């Protein structure tokens, strides 16, 4: 870069840069950013910016100019952005059973359609899991029930939901309960119980009926029809903050040309948000990657089209639907505090932000680590749930290794990346793909997030889109 020949380090603070949308993006460790034209970027590098101009003031307040603002102000902002480091695991993922009545092509959970009730969590194991969950020093807890299909173990699900309410009152901890379910065995009575206990309900919903049912076969049933029926019922019966339904989209190769139809299906159902997620090579997805997977470039192309369409619907007044992947990125970019999305922080949330519990009470650093165990690799197993187990779990050598290996400052590719303040690495993904905990280049996951961030920052430069994105950054999922 020619402009580097005129670089005057005495006039600038610490920064990283990236060429985006015909200009340059500069960022620093406090999460501040500035989008510059090529001419302004050259002036910034050479120290020729004029004091008192709007650009000078903007870069000065962001900490991009030498000595301005005070280091104490930048440190305070960094601490606020990284406040998640000062509490224990807040997310606790509980697998109630490995049984499932669907045969999803991309299943990453290790669910088994033929698994018997021997893979159901017992009440005694559930009590031990609750003992560990409430041992966390975090004052705000989220307990997320997964499977398999957790509704297939309704007795223990309802037992734990009730017990959480009782323990929450005694401990003074704030507890959010969420349920990830395919909804196929939902009943009116079960829904009433869940809504009464303010359980947030989330389901996978892959779009139009043909695509959804192809991705998520339901032997003897229609998974799309079940999801639609109960999403409508949840929306009708729930109130904000008390059991509101949400849906997750997992993108497969078959979905790539259907970005518009997928968004339209979410809008048709009146869903408040769409969470577009790329496919990770875990579980069944890894075995059939050739038929369901895609390149990072193919996914980014899909994501850009889908996000642009969602933006268009909002700006035209046709829908107020939010895209949650962008919302999370925008909260990290524009917000004063981090949304604590565990996949995109440094260090990642494994062991210190979340714990995952298998049906038998075995504990893992994270849900991805538990998924690997379902494939036969216990590398991320850290112990068993029960009274007195918390300290030994979080001080496990495995947790220490995962935490160390997910600090972006020591990743060769991340340390100089402009997106470092908003991104993170996944040691489980690295281990699964490359055999060690550190990120390798080229990385599919890295390329996906880099492409997404490029597009988000590009659209942020548009005034009307910026207003919409600022609203998304401040919003929270229902």
Protein backbone atom coordinates (compact mmCIF):
# COMPACT_ATOMS: atom_id res chain seq x y z
CA UNK A 1 0.00 0.00 0.00
CA UNK A 2 1.56 3.28 -1.16
CA UNK A 3 0.06 5.24 1.73
CA UNK A 4 2.04 3.17 4.22
CA UNK A 5 5.17 4.88 2.91
CA UNK A 6 3.86 8.13 4.43
CA UNK A 7 2.63 6.56 7.67
CA UNK A 8 3.33 8.79 10.69
CA UNK A 9 2.91 6.62 13.81
CA UNK A 10 3.52 9.58 16.11
CA UNK A 11 0.21 11.10 14.98
CA UNK A 12 -1.99 8.03 15.26
CA UNK A 13 -3.22 5.81 18.04
CA UNK A 14 -3.35 2.03 17.74
CA UNK A 15 -5.63 0.83 14.93
CA UNK A 16 -6.30 -1.99 12.51
CA UNK A 17 -7.63 -1.41 9.02
CA UNK A 18 -9.43 -3.13 6.16
CA UNK A 19 -10.56 -2.00 2.72
CA UNK A 20 -14.36 -2.10 2.61
CA UNK A 21 -16.80 -0.80 -0.02
CA UNK A 22 -14.26 1.37 -1.83
CA UNK A 23 -12.99 3.00 1.35
CA UNK A 24 -11.22 1.98 4.53
CA UNK A 25 -12.49 0.78 7.88
CA UNK A 26 -10.32 1.45 10.93
CA UNK A 27 -11.00 -0.16 14.31
CA UNK A 28 -9.31 -0.45 17.69
CA UNK A 29 -9.44 -2.77 20.69
CA UNK A 30 -12.13 -0.72 22.42
CA UNK A 31 -14.51 -1.55 19.59
CA UNK A 32 -14.52 1.96 18.13
CA UNK A 33 -14.58 2.22 14.34
CA UNK A 34 -14.52 4.80 11.57
CA UNK A 35 -15.28 4.46 7.86
CA UNK A 36 -12.95 6.63 5.77
CA UNK A 37 -12.67 7.53 2.13
CA UNK A 38 -9.37 6.64 0.50
CA UNK A 39 -8.26 10.29 0.63
CA UNK A 40 -9.19 10.66 4.30
CA UNK A 41 -7.42 7.39 5.12
CA UNK A 42 -4.21 8.67 3.51
CA UNK A 43 -4.49 11.93 5.43
CA UNK A 44 -5.05 9.98 8.65
CA UNK A 45 -1.99 7.78 8.07
CA UNK A 46 0.29 10.68 7.27
CA UNK A 47 -0.90 12.77 10.21
CA UNK A 48 -2.15 15.59 7.95
CA UNK A 49 -5.67 15.83 9.40
CA UNK A 50 -6.65 19.36 10.40
CA UNK A 51 -7.59 19.87 14.04
CA UNK A 52 -11.12 21.12 14.53
CA UNK A 53 -12.58 19.41 11.48
CA UNK A 54 -15.46 16.90 11.95
CA UNK A 55 -13.21 14.04 10.80
CA UNK A 56 -10.46 14.99 13.23
CA UNK A 57 -12.97 15.20 16.08
CA UNK A 58 -14.50 11.84 15.16
CA UNK A 59 -11.14 10.06 15.04
CA UNK A 60 -9.95 11.81 18.18
CA UNK A 61 -13.00 10.78 20.22
CA UNK A 62 -12.62 7.23 18.94
CA UNK A 63 -9.04 6.98 20.16
CA UNK A 64 -7.46 6.85 16.70
CA UNK A 65 -5.19 9.86 17.16
CA UNK A 66 -2.09 9.93 19.30
CA UNK A 67 -2.80 10.78 22.93
CA UNK A 68 -6.52 11.35 22.39
CA UNK A 69 -8.66 10.48 24.23
CA UNK A 70 -7.05 9.48 27.51
CA UNK A 71 -6.04 5.86 27.85
CA UNK A 72 -8.31 5.66 30.90
CA UNK A 73 -11.38 6.38 28.74
CA UNK A 74 -10.47 3.68 26.22
CA UNK A 75 -9.75 1.23 29.03
CA UNK A 76 -13.13 1.93 30.61
CA UNK A 77 -14.84 1.28 27.29
CA UNK A 78 -12.87 -1.96 26.82
CA UNK A 79 -13.87 -3.11 30.29
CA UNK A 80 -17.53 -2.36 29.61
CA UNK A 81 -17.37 -4.21 26.30
CA UNK A 82 -15.74 -7.21 27.95
CA UNK A 83 -17.74 -7.25 31.19
CA UNK A 84 -18.74 -10.84 30.42
CA UNK A 85 -15.27 -11.87 31.65
CA UNK A 86 -16.12 -10.99 35.22
CA UNK A 87 -18.89 -13.48 35.95
CA UNK A 88 -19.29 -17.25 35.80
CA UNK A 89 -21.11 -19.36 33.20
CA UNK A 90 -24.51 -17.83 32.50
CA UNK A 91 -25.71 -20.22 29.78
CA UNK A 92 -26.44 -23.82 30.75
CA UNK A 93 -27.48 -26.18 27.95
CA UNK A 94 -29.29 -29.28 29.15
CA UNK A 95 -29.86 -32.29 26.89
CA UNK A 96 -32.96 -34.01 28.20
CA UNK A 97 -32.78 -36.92 25.77
CA UNK A 98 -31.00 -38.05 22.66
CA UNK A 99 -34.22 -39.48 21.30
CA UNK A 100 -35.72 -37.67 18.34
CA UNK A 101 -38.64 -38.30 15.98
CA UNK A 102 -37.06 -36.32 13.12
CA UNK A 103 -34.20 -37.37 10.83
CA UNK A 104 -32.69 -34.00 9.96
CA UNK A 105 -30.06 -34.14 7.22
CA UNK A 106 -27.75 -31.77 9.09
CA UNK A 107 -28.36 -32.96 12.67
CA UNK A 108 -25.45 -31.76 14.81
CA UNK A 109 -26.78 -32.78 18.22
CA UNK A 110 -25.93 -36.48 18.14
CA UNK A 111 -29.62 -37.34 18.33
CA UNK A 112 -30.65 -40.89 17.51
CA UNK A 113 -34.02 -41.79 16.10
CA UNK A 114 -33.61 -45.32 17.44
CA UNK A 115 -32.24 -44.31 20.82
CA UNK A 116 -34.38 -45.73 23.58
CA UNK A 117 -35.42 -44.18 26.85
CA UNK A 118 -32.03 -45.16 28.24
CA UNK A 119 -30.85 -41.84 26.75
CA UNK A 120 -33.48 -39.88 28.68
CA UNK A 121 -32.26 -37.76 31.58
CA UNK A 122 -33.52 -39.08 34.92
CA UNK A 123 -34.86 -36.88 37.71
CA UNK A 124 -31.87 -37.75 39.86
CA UNK A 125 -29.50 -36.61 37.10
CA UNK A 126 -31.66 -33.50 36.64
CA UNK A 127 -31.25 -32.61 40.33
CA UNK A 128 -27.47 -32.95 40.04
CA UNK A 129 -27.48 -30.73 36.96
CA UNK A 130 -29.52 -28.09 38.79
CA UNK A 131 -27.09 -28.24 41.72
CA UNK A 132 -24.26 -27.35 39.36
CA UNK A 133 -26.19 -24.68 37.47
CA UNK A 134 -27.11 -22.82 40.64
CA UNK A 135 -23.51 -23.08 41.89
CA UNK A 136 -22.42 -20.65 39.18
CA UNK A 137 -21.60 -17.20 40.60
CA UNK A 138 -23.49 -15.60 37.69
CA UNK A 139 -26.55 -13.75 38.94
CA UNK A 140 -28.33 -14.04 35.59
CA UNK A 141 -28.70 -17.57 34.29
CA UNK A 142 -30.18 -19.01 31.10
CA UNK A 143 -31.16 -22.66 31.09
CA UNK A 144 -31.69 -23.95 27.57
CA UNK A 145 -33.32 -27.35 27.07
CA UNK A 146 -32.26 -29.29 24.00
CA UNK A 147 -32.22 -32.82 22.66
CA UNK A 148 -32.77 -34.91 20.68
CA UNK A 149 -36.29 -33.71 21.04
CA UNK A 150 -36.73 -32.52 24.65
CA UNK A 151 -40.53 -32.79 24.62
CA UNK A 152 -40.11 -36.57 24.37
CA UNK A 153 -38.92 -36.45 27.99
CA UNK A 154 -41.77 -34.28 29.22
CA UNK A 155 -41.80 -35.60 32.82
CA UNK A 156 -38.25 -34.39 33.44
CA UNK A 157 -38.69 -31.20 31.41
CA UNK A 158 -41.73 -30.14 33.46
CA UNK A 159 -39.98 -31.22 36.67
CA UNK A 160 -36.92 -29.08 35.92
CA UNK A 161 -38.95 -26.04 34.84
CA UNK A 162 -40.85 -26.11 38.14
CA UNK A 163 -37.69 -26.74 40.15
CA UNK A 164 -35.89 -23.86 38.46
CA UNK A 165 -38.66 -21.50 39.55
CA UNK A 166 -38.32 -22.65 43.16
CA UNK A 167 -34.53 -22.48 43.18
CA UNK A 168 -34.59 -19.06 41.55
CA UNK A 169 -36.71 -17.67 44.39
CA UNK A 170 -34.46 -19.17 47.05
CA UNK A 171 -31.18 -18.11 45.42
CA UNK A 172 -32.25 -14.67 44.24
CA UNK A 173 -30.81 -15.41 40.80
CA UNK A 174 -32.62 -14.25 37.67
CA UNK A 175 -33.26 -17.25 35.43
CA UNK A 176 -34.40 -17.31 31.82
CA UNK A 177 -35.65 -20.67 30.54
CA UNK A 178 -35.67 -21.54 26.86
CA UNK A 179 -36.76 -24.66 25.01
CA UNK A 180 -35.46 -25.72 21.60
CA UNK A 181 -38.01 -28.09 20.11
CA UNK A 182 -39.32 -29.28 16.76
CA UNK A 183 -42.86 -28.79 18.21
CA UNK A 184 -44.11 -32.10 16.78
CA UNK A 185 -45.26 -33.43 20.18
CA UNK A 186 -46.50 -30.14 21.56
CA UNK A 187 -50.00 -30.14 23.08
CA UNK A 188 -52.28 -27.39 24.34
CA UNK A 189 -51.69 -28.48 27.93
CA UNK A 190 -47.92 -28.50 27.51
CA UNK A 191 -47.94 -25.11 25.85
CA UNK A 192 -50.08 -23.66 28.64
CA UNK A 193 -47.61 -24.98 31.23
CA UNK A 194 -44.60 -23.56 29.37
CA UNK A 195 -46.17 -20.15 28.85
CA UNK A 196 -47.27 -20.02 32.48
CA UNK A 197 -43.65 -20.51 33.50
CA UNK A 198 -42.44 -17.94 30.93
CA UNK A 199 -40.43 -20.47 28.93
CA UNK A 200 -39.19 -19.04 25.63
CA UNK A 201 -39.84 -21.50 22.84
CA UNK A 202 -37.58 -21.77 19.81
CA UNK A 203 -37.86 -24.08 16.82
CA UNK A 204 -35.93 -24.75 13.66
CA UNK A 205 -37.81 -23.46 10.66
CA UNK A 206 -36.12 -23.77 7.29
CA UNK A 207 -38.64 -21.89 5.18
CA UNK A 208 -41.17 -23.14 2.60
CA UNK A 209 -42.81 -26.51 3.21
CA UNK A 210 -40.92 -28.46 0.56
CA UNK A 211 -37.51 -27.20 1.68
CA UNK A 212 -38.24 -27.55 5.40
CA UNK A 213 -39.50 -31.12 5.08
CA UNK A 214 -36.61 -32.10 2.80
CA UNK A 215 -34.08 -30.77 5.33
CA UNK A 216 -35.95 -32.07 8.36
CA UNK A 217 -37.74 -35.35 7.49
CA UNK A 218 -40.44 -36.34 10.01
CA UNK A 219 -41.28 -40.00 9.38
CA UNK A 220 -45.05 -40.39 9.40
CA UNK A 221 -45.68 -36.67 9.78
CA UNK A 222 -45.35 -33.18 8.31
CA UNK A 223 -42.72 -31.22 10.25
CA UNK A 224 -43.50 -27.95 8.49
CA UNK A 225 -47.22 -28.19 9.31
CA UNK A 226 -46.43 -28.90 12.98
CA UNK A 227 -44.06 -25.96 13.21
CA UNK A 228 -46.52 -23.58 11.55
CA UNK A 229 -49.42 -24.72 13.73
CA UNK A 230 -47.62 -24.22 17.02
CA UNK A 231 -45.73 -21.07 16.05
CA UNK A 232 -49.11 -19.49 15.35
CA UNK A 233 -50.47 -20.80 18.65
CA UNK A 234 -47.48 -19.49 20.60
CA UNK A 235 -47.77 -16.08 18.97
CA UNK A 236 -51.50 -15.94 19.76
CA UNK A 237 -51.21 -17.03 23.39
CA UNK A 238 -47.95 -15.51 24.55
CA UNK A 239 -47.10 -12.02 25.70
CA UNK A 240 -43.82 -10.18 25.28
CA UNK A 241 -41.15 -11.66 27.53
CA UNK A 242 -43.31 -14.63 28.50
CA UNK A 243 -42.85 -17.55 26.17
CA UNK A 244 -42.60 -15.71 22.86
CA UNK A 245 -41.80 -18.05 19.98
CA UNK A 246 -38.71 -17.72 17.82
CA UNK A 247 -37.34 -19.63 14.86
CA UNK A 248 -33.90 -20.57 13.60
CA UNK A 249 -32.93 -21.07 9.96
CA UNK A 250 -30.14 -23.51 9.17
CA UNK A 251 -28.96 -22.95 5.61
CA UNK A 252 -28.28 -26.02 3.48
CA UNK A 253 -27.12 -26.26 -0.12
CA UNK A 254 -30.76 -26.64 -1.20
CA UNK A 255 -31.61 -23.33 0.49
CA UNK A 256 -29.03 -21.22 -1.36
CA UNK A 257 -31.24 -20.19 -4.32
CA UNK A 258 -34.33 -19.78 -2.12
CA UNK A 259 -33.30 -16.76 -0.02
CA UNK A 260 -36.36 -14.71 -1.00
CA UNK A 261 -38.87 -17.53 -0.54
CA UNK A 262 -37.42 -18.30 2.90
CA UNK A 263 -37.71 -14.71 4.12
CA UNK A 264 -41.19 -14.46 2.63
CA UNK A 265 -42.27 -17.54 4.57
CA UNK A 266 -41.09 -16.01 7.84
CA UNK A 267 -42.94 -12.80 7.00
CA UNK A 268 -46.08 -14.74 6.03
CA UNK A 269 -46.16 -16.31 9.49
CA UNK A 270 -45.73 -12.94 11.16
CA UNK A 271 -42.48 -13.92 12.87
CA UNK A 272 -40.64 -11.01 14.45
CA UNK A 273 -37.20 -12.26 13.50
CA UNK A 274 -35.23 -14.64 11.33
CA UNK A 275 -31.95 -16.05 12.62
CA UNK A 276 -29.90 -17.03 9.56
CA UNK A 277 -27.18 -19.51 10.49
CA UNK A 278 -24.54 -21.27 8.43
CA UNK A 279 -24.04 -25.00 8.67
CA UNK A 280 -21.22 -26.28 10.87
CA UNK A 281 -19.47 -29.58 10.05
CA UNK A 282 -20.58 -31.45 13.18
CA UNK A 283 -22.58 -34.64 13.57
CA UNK A 284 -24.54 -35.88 10.58
CA UNK A 285 -23.72 -32.67 8.69
CA UNK A 286 -20.05 -33.64 8.51
CA UNK A 287 -20.86 -37.09 7.16
CA UNK A 288 -23.05 -35.73 4.36
CA UNK A 289 -21.29 -32.42 3.75
CA UNK A 290 -21.01 -33.10 0.04
CA UNK A 291 -24.80 -33.04 -0.34
CA UNK A 292 -25.79 -30.37 2.21
CA UNK A 293 -22.70 -28.17 2.59
CA UNK A 294 -21.25 -25.28 0.58
CA UNK A 295 -18.28 -22.96 0.42
CA UNK A 296 -17.94 -19.88 2.58
CA UNK A 297 -18.33 -17.73 -0.53
CA UNK A 298 -21.61 -19.43 -1.44
CA UNK A 299 -22.99 -18.86 2.04
CA UNK A 300 -21.92 -15.21 2.14
CA UNK A 301 -23.61 -14.62 -1.23
CA UNK A 302 -26.82 -16.14 0.17
CA UNK A 303 -26.58 -14.14 3.37
CA UNK A 304 -26.05 -10.82 1.59
CA UNK A 305 -29.11 -11.35 -0.62
CA UNK A 306 -31.28 -12.42 2.30
CA UNK A 307 -30.14 -9.57 4.55
CA UNK A 308 -30.61 -7.00 1.79
CA UNK A 309 -34.13 -8.27 1.23
CA UNK A 310 -34.92 -8.03 4.95
CA UNK A 311 -33.57 -4.47 4.94
CA UNK A 312 -35.68 -3.66 1.87
CA UNK A 313 -38.83 -4.98 3.56
CA UNK A 314 -38.15 -2.80 6.59
CA UNK A 315 -37.35 0.38 4.66
CA UNK A 316 -40.42 -0.05 2.46
CA UNK A 317 -42.67 -0.53 5.48
CA UNK A 318 -43.78 -3.99 4.35
CA UNK A 319 -42.36 -5.77 7.41
CA UNK A 320 -40.47 -5.03 10.62
CA UNK A 321 -38.72 -8.41 10.73
CA UNK A 322 -35.21 -8.44 12.27
CA UNK A 323 -32.31 -10.60 11.08
CA UNK A 324 -30.70 -11.82 14.29
CA UNK A 325 -27.17 -12.60 13.03
CA UNK A 326 -26.88 -9.00 11.88
CA UNK A 327 -28.52 -7.79 15.09
CA UNK A 328 -25.81 -9.52 17.15
CA UNK A 329 -23.00 -8.11 15.02
CA UNK A 330 -24.55 -4.63 15.17
CA UNK A 331 -24.91 -4.80 18.95
CA UNK A 332 -21.18 -5.56 19.13
CA UNK A 333 -20.32 -2.79 16.65
CA UNK A 334 -22.66 -0.02 17.82
CA UNK A 335 -23.47 -0.90 21.41
CA UNK A 336 -21.81 0.24 24.61
CA UNK A 337 -21.77 -3.30 25.98
CA UNK A 338 -21.33 -6.68 24.35
CA UNK A 339 -24.40 -8.89 23.77
CA UNK A 340 -22.30 -11.82 25.01
CA UNK A 341 -22.99 -14.06 22.04
CA UNK A 342 -20.65 -16.84 23.08
CA UNK A 343 -19.43 -17.78 19.60
CA UNK A 344 -18.17 -14.24 18.96
CA UNK A 345 -16.13 -13.17 21.95
CA UNK A 346 -12.56 -13.46 23.15
CA UNK A 347 -12.07 -15.77 24.87
CA UNK A 348 -15.05 -17.78 23.68
CA UNK A 349 -17.74 -18.84 26.13
CA UNK A 350 -16.69 -22.47 26.50
CA UNK A 351 -16.38 -23.35 30.19
CA UNK A 352 -16.47 -19.75 31.40
CA UNK A 353 -19.63 -18.52 29.68
CA UNK A 354 -21.52 -21.74 29.23
CA UNK A 355 -21.61 -25.37 30.29
CA UNK A 356 -23.40 -28.21 28.50
CA UNK A 357 -24.93 -31.21 30.26
CA UNK A 358 -25.62 -34.51 28.52
CA UNK A 359 -28.59 -36.68 29.48
CA UNK A 360 -26.45 -38.68 31.95
CA UNK A 361 -25.13 -35.61 33.80
CA UNK A 362 -21.77 -35.53 32.07
CA UNK A 363 -20.57 -31.96 31.61
CA UNK A 364 -18.82 -30.43 28.60
CA UNK A 365 -17.18 -27.08 27.91
CA UNK A 366 -19.95 -26.18 25.47
CA UNK A 367 -22.65 -27.67 23.31
CA UNK A 368 -20.26 -28.09 20.38
CA UNK A 369 -17.97 -30.13 22.65
CA UNK A 370 -20.93 -32.28 23.65
CA UNK A 371 -21.74 -32.78 19.95
CA UNK A 372 -18.24 -34.13 19.36
CA UNK A 373 -18.71 -36.52 22.27
CA UNK A 374 -21.88 -37.82 20.59
CA UNK A 375 -19.61 -38.62 17.62
CA UNK A 376 -17.29 -40.57 19.89
CA UNK A 377 -14.69 -37.97 20.88
CA UNK A 378 -14.68 -36.93 24.56
CA UNK A 379 -11.94 -34.29 24.21
CA UNK A 380 -14.15 -31.56 25.70
CA UNK A 381 -15.63 -33.58 28.57
CA UNK A 382 -14.77 -31.89 31.88
CA UNK A 383 -16.59 -33.89 34.57
CA UNK A 384 -20.00 -34.74 35.98
CA UNK A 385 -22.74 -32.61 37.50
CA UNK A 386 -23.47 -32.67 41.21
CA UNK A 387 -22.98 -30.81 44.45
CA UNK A 388 -19.47 -29.53 44.86
CA UNK A 389 -18.58 -30.12 41.22
CA UNK A 390 -18.65 -26.53 39.98
CA UNK A 391 -15.11 -25.47 40.97
CA UNK A 392 -13.54 -28.62 39.58
CA UNK A 393 -15.42 -28.20 36.31
CA UNK A 394 -14.46 -24.61 35.55
CA UNK A 395 -10.84 -25.12 36.70
CA UNK A 396 -10.44 -28.19 34.50
CA UNK A 397 -7.27 -28.30 32.37
CA UNK A 398 -9.57 -28.71 29.36
CA UNK A 399 -11.33 -25.43 30.16
CA UNK A 400 -7.99 -23.68 30.62
CA UNK A 401 -6.76 -24.93 27.24
CA UNK A 402 -9.97 -23.91 25.47
CA UNK A 403 -9.96 -20.45 27.05
CA UNK A 404 -6.31 -19.85 26.17
CA UNK A 405 -6.72 -21.07 22.60
CA UNK A 406 -9.74 -18.85 21.97
CA UNK A 407 -8.06 -15.56 22.86
CA UNK A 408 -7.95 -13.75 19.54
CA UNK A 409 -4.81 -11.76 20.42
CA UNK A 410 -2.71 -14.91 20.06
CA UNK A 411 -4.28 -16.09 16.79
CA UNK A 412 -1.97 -15.16 13.92
CA UNK A 413 -4.80 -14.23 11.55
CA UNK A 414 -6.95 -12.49 14.18
CA UNK A 415 -4.35 -10.31 15.87
CA UNK A 416 -4.07 -7.97 12.87
CA UNK A 417 -7.68 -8.23 11.64
CA UNK A 418 -9.88 -5.13 11.67
CA UNK A 419 -12.79 -7.30 12.81
CA UNK A 420 -11.02 -8.60 15.91
CA UNK A 421 -13.16 -6.48 18.34
CA UNK A 422 -16.35 -8.05 16.98
CA UNK A 423 -15.36 -11.64 16.30
CA UNK A 424 -14.16 -14.82 17.98
CA UNK A 425 -12.78 -18.27 17.30
CA UNK A 426 -14.20 -21.69 18.15
CA UNK A 427 -11.60 -24.18 19.44
CA UNK A 428 -14.05 -27.07 19.01
CA UNK A 429 -14.49 -26.22 15.34
CA UNK A 430 -10.72 -25.94 14.92
CA UNK A 431 -10.18 -29.27 16.67
CA UNK A 432 -12.85 -30.98 14.58
CA UNK A 433 -11.50 -29.64 11.30
CA UNK A 434 -7.73 -29.47 11.88
CA UNK A 435 -6.89 -31.61 14.90
CA UNK A 436 -5.75 -28.79 17.19
CA UNK A 437 -7.40 -25.92 19.06
CA UNK A 438 -5.94 -23.00 17.13
CA UNK A 439 -7.36 -21.44 13.98
CA UNK A 440 -5.86 -22.48 10.67
CA UNK A 441 -5.98 -20.45 7.49
CA UNK A 442 -7.80 -20.59 5.20
CA UNK A 443 -10.75 -21.11 7.53
CA UNK A 444 -14.34 -21.63 6.39
CA UNK A 445 -15.73 -20.12 9.59
CA UNK A 446 -13.41 -17.10 9.40
CA UNK A 447 -14.31 -16.47 5.75
CA UNK A 448 -18.03 -16.62 6.57
CA UNK A 449 -17.85 -14.04 9.37
CA UNK A 450 -15.48 -11.81 7.42
CA UNK A 451 -17.91 -11.75 4.50
CA UNK A 452 -20.86 -11.02 6.78
CA UNK A 453 -19.01 -8.21 8.56
CA UNK A 454 -17.87 -6.72 5.24
CA UNK A 455 -21.49 -6.48 4.15
CA UNK A 456 -22.80 -5.12 7.44
CA UNK A 457 -20.18 -2.35 7.46
CA UNK A 458 -20.91 -1.60 3.81
CA UNK A 459 -24.62 -1.14 4.50
CA UNK A 460 -23.88 0.90 7.63
CA UNK A 461 -22.55 3.65 5.37
CA UNK A 462 -26.07 4.28 4.04
CA UNK A 463 -28.00 6.79 6.16
CA UNK A 464 -31.41 5.08 6.08
CA UNK A 465 -29.88 1.68 6.70
CA UNK A 466 -27.79 3.10 9.55
CA UNK A 467 -30.97 4.26 11.32
CA UNK A 468 -32.53 0.81 10.92
CA UNK A 469 -29.36 -0.93 12.08
CA UNK A 470 -29.08 1.30 15.14
CA UNK A 471 -32.60 0.23 16.12
CA UNK A 472 -31.67 -3.42 15.62
CA UNK A 473 -28.55 -3.00 17.75
CA UNK A 474 -30.66 -1.72 20.65
CA UNK A 475 -33.37 -4.36 20.29
CA UNK A 476 -33.54 -7.72 22.02
CA UNK A 477 -35.21 -10.88 20.75
CA UNK A 478 -38.74 -11.35 22.08
